[in-house]
Amino acid sequence: MQLAEGNVSWSSSSGDVDQKIDDIQELGLSQEKMKVTTNEKVSLDFQENARNGGDIWTDPKITVALLKDEQRIELELHENREFQIPNNKGSYVLEVVFTSSRGTAQYVGNILIQ
């Protein structure tokens, strides 16, 4: 399942991108619902964007969190870009933030933990 692009501040060989989303949770919840189970392991797969020249990412920092109303649950991301779904059942916005020397890109999705 592909996550939706949220807030972006990025520089590449093909130009700069600055995108601001007013309500990131609204965007996340508008995406197709992904159903997962508690304690399930999930892997992230980032693809370079050919439109921006396929810039190589060096030493990116990636963070993962679940958002629900004012609650934010930070999830530990392992070296293999895998994280574990917590025991907190319910609907959440999955937020993945990718930061490198080129800037920051936020991705969100709608996740249901069963």
Protein backbone atom coordinates (compact mmCIF):
# COMPACT_ATOMS: atom_id res chain seq x y z
CA MET A 1 0.00 0.00 0.00
CA GLN A 2 1.32 3.41 -0.92
CA LEU A 3 1.24 6.28 1.57
CA ALA A 4 0.07 9.77 0.61
CA GLU A 5 2.57 12.61 0.39
CA GLY A 6 2.04 15.12 3.18
CA ASN A 7 4.22 18.08 4.12
CA VAL A 8 7.30 18.34 1.93
CA SER A 9 10.30 20.66 1.90
CA TRP A 10 12.73 19.19 -0.61
CA SER A 11 15.52 20.29 -2.96
CA SER A 12 16.60 18.18 -5.91
CA SER A 13 18.36 18.45 -9.24
CA SER A 14 15.02 19.19 -10.91
CA GLY A 15 14.00 21.95 -8.49
CA ASP A 16 12.54 22.62 -5.06
CA VAL A 17 9.26 21.39 -3.61
CA ASP A 18 7.49 23.11 -0.71
CA GLN A 19 4.09 21.63 0.11
CA LYS A 20 2.11 22.40 3.27
CA ILE A 21 -0.94 20.36 4.32
CA ASP A 22 -3.15 22.14 6.87
CA ASP A 23 -4.70 19.01 8.44
CA ILE A 24 -2.37 16.03 8.12
CA GLN A 25 -4.70 13.73 10.08
CA GLU A 26 -7.58 14.53 7.73
CA LEU A 27 -5.37 13.66 4.75
CA GLY A 28 -4.26 10.41 6.39
CA LEU A 29 -7.78 9.31 7.29
CA SER A 30 -8.98 10.02 3.73
CA GLN A 31 -6.67 7.29 2.39
CA GLU A 32 -7.68 3.68 1.83
CA LYS A 33 -7.68 1.84 5.17
CA MET A 34 -4.82 -0.60 5.78
CA LYS A 35 -5.73 -3.38 8.22
CA VAL A 36 -3.00 -4.74 10.47
CA THR A 37 -2.91 -6.78 13.65
CA THR A 38 -1.32 -6.00 17.00
CA ASN A 39 2.38 -6.91 17.16
CA GLU A 40 2.54 -7.32 13.35
CA LYS A 41 5.88 -6.40 11.78
CA VAL A 42 5.71 -3.91 8.91
CA SER A 43 8.49 -3.02 6.46
CA LEU A 44 8.95 0.31 4.69
CA ASP A 45 10.05 0.38 1.06
CA PHE A 46 11.12 3.77 -0.28
CA GLN A 47 11.43 4.23 -4.05
CA GLU A 48 13.50 7.00 -5.56
CA ASN A 49 11.44 9.48 -7.54
CA ALA A 50 12.48 9.44 -11.20
CA ARG A 51 10.73 12.81 -11.72
CA ASN A 52 13.30 14.54 -9.51
CA GLY A 53 16.25 12.86 -11.16
CA GLY A 54 16.30 9.87 -8.81
CA ASP A 55 18.57 11.67 -6.37
CA ILE A 56 20.48 9.26 -4.15
CA TRP A 57 19.60 9.42 -0.46
CA THR A 58 22.59 9.35 1.83
CA ASP A 59 22.16 8.66 5.51
CA PRO A 60 18.45 9.42 5.77
CA LYS A 61 16.71 9.71 9.11
CA ILE A 62 13.32 8.00 9.09
CA THR A 63 10.76 8.27 11.87
CA VAL A 64 7.45 6.43 12.22
CA ALA A 65 4.50 7.39 14.43
CA LEU A 66 0.82 6.68 14.90
CA LEU A 67 -1.44 9.73 15.27
CA LYS A 68 -4.92 9.83 16.79
CA ASP A 69 -6.48 13.13 17.80
CA GLU A 70 -3.86 14.75 20.07
CA GLN A 71 -2.10 11.43 20.78
CA ARG A 72 1.23 10.58 19.12
CA ILE A 73 2.84 7.14 19.50
CA GLU A 74 6.45 7.02 18.29
CA LEU A 75 7.43 3.61 16.90
CA GLU A 76 10.95 2.21 16.85
CA LEU A 77 12.29 1.72 13.33
CA HIS A 78 14.92 -0.99 13.00
CA GLU A 79 17.89 -0.85 10.61
CA ASN A 80 16.05 -2.99 8.06
CA ARG A 81 13.29 -0.32 7.99
CA GLU A 82 10.92 -2.58 9.87
CA PHE A 83 8.68 -1.56 12.78
CA GLN A 84 6.20 -3.37 15.00
CA ILE A 85 2.54 -2.46 15.36
CA PRO A 86 1.71 -1.80 19.04
CA ASN A 87 -1.11 -3.38 21.07
CA ASN A 88 -3.27 -0.23 20.87
CA LYS A 89 -6.27 -1.28 18.76
CA GLY A 90 -8.21 1.29 16.74
CA SER A 91 -7.95 3.65 13.77
CA TYR A 92 -4.81 5.76 13.41
CA VAL A 93 -2.93 7.86 10.92
CA LEU A 94 0.43 6.28 10.15
CA GLU A 95 3.07 9.00 9.72
CA VAL A 96 6.46 8.34 8.16
CA VAL A 97 8.93 11.23 7.96
CA PHE A 98 11.98 10.93 5.71
CA THR A 99 14.76 13.46 6.34
CA SER A 100 18.01 13.72 4.38
CA SER A 101 20.42 16.41 3.24
CA ARG A 102 17.86 17.25 0.51
CA GLY A 103 15.11 18.10 3.00
CA THR A 104 12.10 16.48 4.63
CA ALA A 105 9.17 14.52 3.19
CA GLN A 106 6.21 13.33 5.23
CA TYR A 107 3.98 10.43 4.19
CA VAL A 108 0.69 9.40 5.79
CA GLY A 109 -1.79 6.57 5.60
CA ASN A 110 -4.95 5.29 7.26
CA ILE A 111 -4.28 2.27 9.47
CA LEU A 112 -6.69 0.08 11.44
CA ILE A 113 -5.10 -2.01 14.18
CA GLN A 114 -7.23 -5.07 14.95
